[in-house]
Structures are given as C-alpha cells and as structure tokens.
Amino acid sequence: MKYIGLISDTHGVFSDEFRAFLEPVDEIWHAGDFGGGLDLAAEIAAFKPLTGVAGNCDNHDLRYEHPLHRVFECEGLKVLMIHIGGYPGRYDVNARRLIDQHRPDIFVCGHSHILKVVRDTKRNMLVINPGAAGIQGFHLVRTALRFRLDAGRIYDMEVFELDR
C-alpha cells in the first residue's frame, strides 16, 4: 500500500499548508511546472520522496532530473504522468499518443490549474489533474490531492483547498 500526495503547478511555492496536508503521505508526485527549478524540486524531495515531470515553465536543468513524461508502475497500476495532458475527448496530441502507446490505468497531468478527476471509460483509465498548488496563474483556489494505492486499486482520495 502506498499513500500518494499529488501536486502540480507550484511555480516556485511549496507552502506550509501544503506541507501539513502532505505530511502523512509516503511519496509526492508532481505533474510539472515546479517553477523554482532544481531548488524547489530538491526542497520537495527532501520533504518526501518525489516523482515528477517537467512542465512548460520549467528550465532545462530540471528536465535532466524530471523528464517531460514518465510511465511507471505503482501498487499494480500503470501510471502515465505528463504536464500538458487534457481530458477525455480533448487530449493534447502528445498525451494521446502516449496514452495509446502505454495504456495506463491512471493518467496524471497538470497545466490547466483546475483540479479535475474523471474516468475515461473509452480507455478504461482514471484521469487526474490536481490543479495548482502555487500562487501564479488565474486560479482562485490552490489545490492538492492525496490518495491510497493498493493491489491495483485507488481509494480514499482527499482534496485540499486553500484560497489564493
């Protein structure tokens, strides 16, 4: 069993409120736009083990450590993570190519700054966007998720919201 914290679009900010929400998790997944480059990624990784991808606002140094996409297994589920992803019926062309190639159980993306969790019934996968944890952008509420993965199941998903 793994307890996962999921954030995206921190844009240089990893505040105490998010640390408190993510304190009980085993690891953090970051869906891109760290914004603080390697320094912020290192700060998050010092707090909890980190798996992340680079976003469109991240520099090339960060991309050496956090690639543009990742495909990995966690607790019997295949996960595809990319920053710019989209949603069922409106996937980004690169994301759709990776989805069709890897056929993940869970598709994680960021970029929109809008928290959304939806099932893609056509592809039999869960699409998760944790919204934006940072203060840069148009969003009015900062968000994060945490959930448990065990034996091929995802459950106990919780949303954290903080006014910007």
Protein backbone atom coordinates (compact mmCIF):
# COMPACT_ATOMS: atom_id res chain seq x y z
CA MET A 1 0.00 0.00 0.00
CA LYS A 2 1.25 3.48 -0.91
CA TYR A 3 -0.14 6.79 0.24
CA ILE A 4 0.42 9.33 -2.56
CA GLY A 5 0.35 13.11 -2.48
CA LEU A 6 -0.23 14.78 -5.85
CA ILE A 7 0.55 18.39 -6.72
CA SER A 8 1.21 20.43 -9.82
CA ASP A 9 1.93 23.97 -10.93
CA THR A 10 3.73 25.06 -7.77
CA HIS A 11 5.51 27.80 -9.75
CA GLY A 12 8.15 28.23 -7.05
CA VAL A 13 5.85 27.91 -4.00
CA PHE A 14 5.60 24.93 -1.61
CA SER A 15 3.89 26.48 1.39
CA ASP A 16 3.47 25.22 4.95
CA GLU A 17 -0.23 24.48 4.44
CA PHE A 18 0.60 22.05 1.63
CA ARG A 19 3.38 20.50 3.69
CA ALA A 20 0.90 19.86 6.50
CA PHE A 21 -1.61 18.25 4.12
CA LEU A 22 1.11 16.09 2.56
CA GLU A 23 2.87 15.18 5.82
CA PRO A 24 1.25 11.73 6.16
CA VAL A 25 1.90 10.58 2.56
CA ASP A 26 4.64 8.13 1.57
CA GLU A 27 5.65 9.99 -1.58
CA ILE A 28 4.78 13.03 -3.67
CA TRP A 29 4.04 13.07 -7.38
CA HIS A 30 4.46 16.47 -9.11
CA ALA A 31 2.80 16.96 -12.51
CA GLY A 32 5.06 19.76 -13.72
CA ASP A 33 5.73 23.47 -13.59
CA PHE A 34 7.84 23.33 -10.44
CA GLY A 35 8.78 26.92 -11.29
CA GLY A 36 11.61 27.01 -8.78
CA GLY A 37 13.85 24.87 -10.91
CA LEU A 38 16.05 22.31 -9.23
CA ASP A 39 15.96 24.18 -5.91
CA LEU A 40 12.23 23.71 -5.39
CA ALA A 41 12.35 20.12 -6.64
CA ALA A 42 15.15 19.41 -4.15
CA GLU A 43 13.16 21.06 -1.35
CA ILE A 44 10.15 18.84 -2.06
CA ALA A 45 12.36 15.74 -2.43
CA ALA A 46 13.96 16.48 0.96
CA PHE A 47 10.47 16.52 2.47
CA LYS A 48 9.18 13.30 0.82
CA PRO A 49 10.36 11.00 -1.99
CA LEU A 50 9.49 12.75 -5.24
CA THR A 51 8.45 11.57 -8.69
CA GLY A 52 7.87 14.42 -11.10
CA VAL A 53 7.78 15.62 -14.67
CA ALA A 54 8.89 18.89 -16.16
CA GLY A 55 6.33 21.41 -17.30
CA ASN A 56 6.34 24.07 -19.98
CA CYS A 57 7.62 26.68 -17.49
CA ASP A 58 10.48 24.52 -16.15
CA ASN A 59 14.07 25.05 -17.26
CA HIS A 60 16.36 22.56 -18.99
CA ASP A 61 18.34 21.81 -15.82
CA LEU A 62 15.18 20.49 -14.17
CA ARG A 63 14.38 18.38 -17.24
CA TYR A 64 17.56 16.33 -16.73
CA GLU A 65 16.16 15.10 -13.42
CA HIS A 66 12.43 15.26 -14.21
CA PRO A 67 11.65 14.31 -17.83
CA LEU A 68 8.73 15.57 -19.90
CA HIS A 69 6.78 12.38 -19.18
CA ARG A 70 7.04 9.27 -17.02
CA VAL A 71 5.50 5.83 -17.22
CA PHE A 72 5.79 3.71 -14.08
CA GLU A 73 4.07 1.02 -12.04
CA CYS A 74 2.83 1.64 -8.52
CA GLU A 75 0.96 -0.95 -6.46
CA GLY A 76 -0.20 -2.88 -9.51
CA LEU A 77 -1.30 0.17 -11.51
CA LYS A 78 0.39 1.64 -14.58
CA VAL A 79 0.74 5.42 -14.31
CA LEU A 80 1.44 7.90 -17.12
CA MET A 81 2.39 11.40 -15.98
CA ILE A 82 2.84 14.41 -18.28
CA HIS A 83 2.34 18.12 -17.68
CA ILE A 84 0.13 19.10 -20.62
CA GLY A 85 -2.46 16.35 -20.94
CA GLY A 86 -6.06 17.38 -21.41
CA TYR A 87 -9.18 15.33 -20.73
CA PRO A 88 -11.27 12.61 -22.40
CA GLY A 89 -12.25 13.76 -25.86
CA ARG A 90 -9.77 16.67 -25.66
CA TYR A 91 -6.33 15.20 -25.04
CA ASP A 92 -3.22 17.03 -26.15
CA VAL A 93 -1.82 15.29 -29.25
CA ASN A 94 1.40 14.20 -27.47
CA ALA A 95 -0.52 12.98 -24.43
CA ARG A 96 -2.95 11.00 -26.61
CA ARG A 97 -0.05 9.32 -28.41
CA LEU A 98 1.49 8.29 -25.06
CA ILE A 99 -1.88 7.14 -23.69
CA ASP A 100 -2.46 4.96 -26.75
CA GLN A 101 1.08 3.61 -26.61
CA HIS A 102 1.22 2.79 -22.87
CA ARG A 103 -2.47 2.23 -21.97
CA PRO A 104 -2.18 3.44 -18.36
CA ASP A 105 -4.61 2.77 -15.54
CA ILE A 106 -4.02 6.29 -14.21
CA PHE A 107 -3.22 9.35 -16.32
CA VAL A 108 -1.82 12.29 -14.33
CA CYS A 109 -1.44 15.77 -15.80
CA GLY A 110 -1.32 19.40 -14.72
CA HIS A 111 -1.11 22.69 -16.65
CA SER A 112 -4.77 23.79 -16.52
CA HIS A 113 -4.59 24.95 -12.85
CA ILE A 114 -8.03 23.33 -12.45
CA LEU A 115 -8.49 20.28 -10.24
CA LYS A 116 -10.32 17.55 -12.09
CA VAL A 117 -10.73 13.80 -11.59
CA VAL A 118 -12.66 11.97 -14.29
CA ARG A 119 -12.87 8.43 -15.65
CA ASP A 120 -12.14 7.91 -19.34
CA THR A 121 -14.47 4.98 -19.98
CA LYS A 122 -13.28 4.57 -23.59
CA ARG A 123 -9.71 3.96 -22.43
CA ASN A 124 -10.60 2.48 -19.02
CA MET A 125 -8.36 4.86 -17.07
CA LEU A 126 -8.68 7.46 -14.36
CA VAL A 127 -7.60 10.97 -15.38
CA ILE A 128 -6.29 13.10 -12.50
CA ASN A 129 -5.27 16.76 -12.55
CA PRO A 130 -4.51 18.10 -9.05
CA GLY A 131 -4.94 21.74 -10.08
CA ALA A 132 -2.37 24.32 -8.95
CA ALA A 133 -0.56 24.40 -5.62
CA GLY A 134 1.19 27.70 -6.37
CA ILE A 135 0.03 31.30 -6.43
CA GLN A 136 0.89 32.18 -10.05
CA GLY A 137 -1.97 31.97 -12.55
CA PHE A 138 -5.66 32.69 -12.89
CA HIS A 139 -6.97 30.14 -10.38
CA LEU A 140 -8.67 31.40 -7.21
CA VAL A 141 -8.18 28.25 -5.13
CA ARG A 142 -4.90 26.38 -4.63
CA THR A 143 -5.36 22.60 -4.58
CA ALA A 144 -3.68 19.24 -3.98
CA LEU A 145 -4.78 15.61 -3.70
CA ARG A 146 -3.82 12.61 -1.65
CA PHE A 147 -4.96 9.02 -2.12
CA ARG A 148 -4.05 5.42 -1.47
CA LEU A 149 -2.98 2.81 -3.99
CA ASP A 150 -3.09 -0.87 -3.11
CA ALA A 151 -3.32 -4.10 -5.11
CA GLY A 152 -4.48 -2.39 -8.30
CA ARG A 153 -6.99 -0.08 -6.59
CA ILE A 154 -7.10 3.67 -5.93
CA TYR A 155 -9.17 4.85 -2.97
CA ASP A 156 -9.55 7.36 -0.10
CA MET A 157 -8.94 10.34 -2.38
CA GLU A 158 -8.94 13.65 -0.49
CA VAL A 159 -8.87 17.19 -1.82
CA PHE A 160 -7.02 20.07 -0.17
CA GLU A 161 -8.15 23.60 -1.00
CA LEU A 162 -6.59 26.89 0.03
CA ASP A 163 -7.72 30.34 -1.05
CA ARG A 164 -5.11 32.08 -3.13
